[in-house]
Amino acid sequence: MIYKFYIQFIYMPYKTRKVRNRNCYKVYKPSNGKVFAKCTSKKKAIKQMNLLRAIQFNKNFVSNGRKNNKTQKKRTK
């Protein structure tokens, strides 16, 4: 359990920065500069980083989103 704690705080593939002159934060990846959230609250930025870490490190992670991105047709008889 402690080992997971150290991985999250020592190896940080994603970072947050406060946006200048605004009360919001951005989430980005410093290695390539890709931005995942432009202006969000600090609480949501931390949640976003946790989600990104879960996707990266846990190969069995499945989000609660849609299973397929297709909309179903209405069937008429």
N, C-alpha and C. Protein backbone atom coordinates (compact mmCIF):
# COMPACT_ATOMS: atom_id res chain seq x y z
N MET A 1 0.83 -1.20 0.00
CA MET A 1 0.00 0.00 0.00
C MET A 1 0.87 1.25 0.00
N ILE A 2 1.89 1.26 0.82
CA ILE A 2 2.78 2.42 0.87
C ILE A 2 3.53 2.56 -0.45
N TYR A 3 3.82 1.44 -1.10
CA TYR A 3 4.56 1.45 -2.36
C TYR A 3 3.78 2.22 -3.43
N LYS A 4 2.46 2.03 -3.49
CA LYS A 4 1.64 2.75 -4.46
C LYS A 4 1.66 4.25 -4.18
N PHE A 5 1.67 4.61 -2.91
CA PHE A 5 1.71 6.02 -2.53
C PHE A 5 2.98 6.67 -3.05
N TYR A 6 4.12 5.99 -2.92
CA TYR A 6 5.38 6.55 -3.38
C TYR A 6 5.44 6.66 -4.89
N ILE A 7 4.85 5.72 -5.61
CA ILE A 7 4.85 5.78 -7.07
C ILE A 7 4.09 7.01 -7.55
N GLN A 8 2.97 7.30 -6.92
CA GLN A 8 2.15 8.42 -7.36
C GLN A 8 2.86 9.75 -7.16
N PHE A 9 3.63 9.88 -6.10
CA PHE A 9 4.22 11.18 -5.80
C PHE A 9 5.67 11.32 -6.23
N ILE A 10 6.37 10.22 -6.48
CA ILE A 10 7.74 10.33 -6.97
C ILE A 10 7.74 10.42 -8.48
N TYR A 11 7.06 9.51 -9.15
CA TYR A 11 7.00 9.50 -10.60
C TYR A 11 5.73 10.20 -11.03
N MET A 12 5.85 11.42 -11.47
CA MET A 12 4.69 12.22 -11.85
C MET A 12 4.69 12.48 -13.35
N PRO A 13 4.05 11.62 -14.13
CA PRO A 13 4.04 11.84 -15.57
C PRO A 13 3.13 13.00 -15.98
N TYR A 14 2.24 13.43 -15.10
CA TYR A 14 1.33 14.54 -15.40
C TYR A 14 1.50 15.60 -14.32
N LYS A 15 1.35 16.86 -14.72
CA LYS A 15 1.52 17.96 -13.77
C LYS A 15 0.38 18.95 -13.91
N THR A 16 0.20 19.77 -12.86
CA THR A 16 -0.79 20.84 -12.91
C THR A 16 -0.07 22.17 -12.75
N ARG A 17 -0.63 23.18 -13.39
CA ARG A 17 -0.11 24.55 -13.25
C ARG A 17 -1.29 25.48 -13.09
N LYS A 18 -1.11 26.51 -12.28
CA LYS A 18 -2.15 27.52 -12.14
C LYS A 18 -2.13 28.41 -13.37
N VAL A 19 -3.30 28.71 -13.89
CA VAL A 19 -3.42 29.59 -15.04
C VAL A 19 -3.32 31.03 -14.55
N ARG A 20 -2.50 31.82 -15.23
CA ARG A 20 -2.25 33.19 -14.81
C ARG A 20 -3.52 34.04 -14.90
N ASN A 21 -3.74 34.86 -13.89
CA ASN A 21 -4.87 35.80 -13.80
C ASN A 21 -6.24 35.13 -13.78
N ARG A 22 -6.28 33.84 -13.50
CA ARG A 22 -7.56 33.14 -13.41
C ARG A 22 -7.51 32.21 -12.21
N ASN A 23 -8.66 31.81 -11.73
CA ASN A 23 -8.74 30.91 -10.59
C ASN A 23 -8.96 29.49 -11.09
N CYS A 24 -8.03 28.98 -11.92
CA CYS A 24 -8.17 27.64 -12.45
C CYS A 24 -6.79 27.05 -12.75
N TYR A 25 -6.78 25.75 -13.06
CA TYR A 25 -5.55 25.01 -13.26
C TYR A 25 -5.59 24.26 -14.58
N LYS A 26 -4.41 23.96 -15.14
CA LYS A 26 -4.34 23.13 -16.33
C LYS A 26 -3.58 21.86 -16.00
N VAL A 27 -3.93 20.77 -16.66
CA VAL A 27 -3.27 19.48 -16.50
C VAL A 27 -2.55 19.19 -17.80
N TYR A 28 -1.24 18.88 -17.71
CA TYR A 28 -0.47 18.64 -18.91
C TYR A 28 0.58 17.57 -18.66
N LYS A 29 1.15 17.08 -19.76
CA LYS A 29 2.23 16.09 -19.70
C LYS A 29 3.52 16.81 -20.08
N PRO A 30 4.48 16.93 -19.17
CA PRO A 30 5.66 17.73 -19.45
C PRO A 30 6.57 17.15 -20.54
N SER A 31 6.54 15.85 -20.77
CA SER A 31 7.45 15.26 -21.74
C SER A 31 7.13 15.69 -23.17
N ASN A 32 5.84 15.84 -23.50
CA ASN A 32 5.50 16.26 -24.85
C ASN A 32 4.65 17.53 -24.88
N GLY A 33 4.24 18.06 -23.74
CA GLY A 33 3.49 19.30 -23.68
C GLY A 33 2.01 19.17 -23.97
N LYS A 34 1.49 17.94 -24.06
CA LYS A 34 0.07 17.75 -24.37
C LYS A 34 -0.78 18.20 -23.18
N VAL A 35 -1.82 19.00 -23.47
CA VAL A 35 -2.69 19.54 -22.43
C VAL A 35 -3.96 18.70 -22.38
N PHE A 36 -4.32 18.25 -21.17
CA PHE A 36 -5.51 17.43 -20.98
C PHE A 36 -6.67 18.23 -20.40
N ALA A 37 -6.39 19.29 -19.67
CA ALA A 37 -7.44 20.16 -19.13
C ALA A 37 -6.90 21.59 -19.15
N LYS A 38 -7.64 22.49 -19.77
CA LYS A 38 -7.15 23.87 -19.91
C LYS A 38 -7.46 24.73 -18.70
N CYS A 39 -8.69 24.69 -18.23
CA CYS A 39 -9.07 25.54 -17.10
C CYS A 39 -10.09 24.79 -16.26
N THR A 40 -9.62 24.26 -15.15
CA THR A 40 -10.49 23.49 -14.27
C THR A 40 -10.13 23.79 -12.82
N SER A 41 -10.97 23.38 -11.92
CA SER A 41 -10.70 23.62 -10.50
C SER A 41 -9.58 22.69 -10.03
N LYS A 42 -9.00 23.01 -8.90
CA LYS A 42 -7.88 22.21 -8.39
C LYS A 42 -8.34 20.80 -8.04
N LYS A 43 -9.53 20.68 -7.50
CA LYS A 43 -10.07 19.37 -7.13
C LYS A 43 -10.27 18.49 -8.37
N LYS A 44 -10.83 19.08 -9.43
CA LYS A 44 -11.04 18.32 -10.66
C LYS A 44 -9.72 18.01 -11.36
N ALA A 45 -8.72 18.89 -11.23
CA ALA A 45 -7.41 18.65 -11.84
C ALA A 45 -6.74 17.45 -11.18
N ILE A 46 -6.87 17.32 -9.87
CA ILE A 46 -6.30 16.17 -9.16
C ILE A 46 -7.00 14.89 -9.59
N LYS A 47 -8.33 14.95 -9.73
CA LYS A 47 -9.08 13.78 -10.20
C LYS A 47 -8.67 13.39 -11.61
N GLN A 48 -8.43 14.37 -12.46
CA GLN A 48 -8.01 14.11 -13.84
C GLN A 48 -6.64 13.42 -13.86
N MET A 49 -5.72 13.87 -13.02
CA MET A 49 -4.40 13.24 -12.96
C MET A 49 -4.50 11.81 -12.45
N ASN A 50 -5.35 11.57 -11.48
CA ASN A 50 -5.54 10.20 -10.97
C ASN A 50 -6.10 9.29 -12.06
N LEU A 51 -7.04 9.80 -12.85
CA LEU A 51 -7.61 9.02 -13.94
C LEU A 51 -6.55 8.71 -15.00
N LEU A 52 -5.75 9.70 -15.36
CA LEU A 52 -4.71 9.49 -16.37
C LEU A 52 -3.67 8.47 -15.89
N ARG A 53 -3.33 8.54 -14.60
CA ARG A 53 -2.39 7.56 -14.04
C ARG A 53 -2.98 6.17 -14.04
N ALA A 54 -4.27 6.06 -13.73
CA ALA A 54 -4.94 4.76 -13.72
C ALA A 54 -4.93 4.15 -15.11
N ILE A 55 -5.19 4.95 -16.13
CA ILE A 55 -5.19 4.46 -17.50
C ILE A 55 -3.79 4.02 -17.91
N GLN A 56 -2.78 4.78 -17.50
CA GLN A 56 -1.40 4.48 -17.91
C GLN A 56 -0.83 3.26 -17.19
N PHE A 57 -1.00 3.15 -15.89
CA PHE A 57 -0.33 2.11 -15.12
C PHE A 57 -1.15 0.85 -14.94
N ASN A 58 -2.47 0.93 -14.96
CA ASN A 58 -3.30 -0.24 -14.75
C ASN A 58 -3.90 -0.67 -16.09
N LYS A 59 -3.38 -1.73 -16.67
CA LYS A 59 -3.83 -2.17 -17.98
C LYS A 59 -5.25 -2.73 -17.96
N ASN A 60 -5.74 -3.16 -16.80
CA ASN A 60 -7.08 -3.71 -16.68
C ASN A 60 -8.12 -2.66 -16.32
N PHE A 61 -7.72 -1.39 -16.28
CA PHE A 61 -8.63 -0.32 -15.89
C PHE A 61 -9.70 -0.12 -16.95
N VAL A 62 -10.95 -0.05 -16.52
CA VAL A 62 -12.08 0.21 -17.41
C VAL A 62 -12.85 1.36 -16.80
N SER A 63 -13.01 2.43 -17.56
CA SER A 63 -13.74 3.57 -17.04
C SER A 63 -15.24 3.27 -17.03
N ASN A 64 -16.01 4.11 -16.38
CA ASN A 64 -17.46 3.92 -16.29
C ASN A 64 -18.18 4.51 -17.48
N GLY A 65 -17.46 4.93 -18.49
CA GLY A 65 -18.07 5.53 -19.67
C GLY A 65 -18.76 4.51 -20.54
N ARG A 66 -19.12 4.92 -21.73
CA ARG A 66 -19.80 4.03 -22.66
C ARG A 66 -18.87 2.91 -23.12
N LYS A 67 -19.42 1.77 -23.34
CA LYS A 67 -18.63 0.64 -23.82
C LYS A 67 -18.31 0.78 -25.30
N ASN A 68 -19.30 1.25 -26.07
CA ASN A 68 -19.07 1.55 -27.47
C ASN A 68 -19.62 2.94 -27.74
N ASN A 69 -19.05 3.62 -28.68
CA ASN A 69 -19.43 5.01 -28.92
C ASN A 69 -20.54 5.14 -29.97
N LYS A 70 -21.32 4.09 -30.17
CA LYS A 70 -22.39 4.13 -31.15
C LYS A 70 -23.71 4.42 -30.46
N THR A 71 -24.56 5.16 -31.13
CA THR A 71 -25.90 5.36 -30.62
C THR A 71 -26.81 4.29 -31.21
N GLN A 72 -27.78 3.88 -30.43
CA GLN A 72 -28.66 2.82 -30.89
C GLN A 72 -29.80 3.39 -31.72
N LYS A 73 -30.17 2.66 -32.74
CA LYS A 73 -31.28 3.06 -33.57
C LYS A 73 -32.59 2.71 -32.88
N LYS A 74 -33.59 3.54 -33.08
CA LYS A 74 -34.92 3.21 -32.58
C LYS A 74 -35.54 2.21 -33.54
N ARG A 75 -35.97 1.12 -33.01
CA ARG A 75 -36.57 0.08 -33.84
C ARG A 75 -38.07 0.26 -33.89
N THR A 76 -38.57 0.34 -35.08
CA THR A 76 -40.03 0.47 -35.25
C THR A 76 -40.56 -0.81 -35.88
N LYS A 77 -41.76 -1.18 -35.50
CA LYS A 77 -42.36 -2.40 -36.03
C LYS A 77 -43.39 -2.11 -37.06
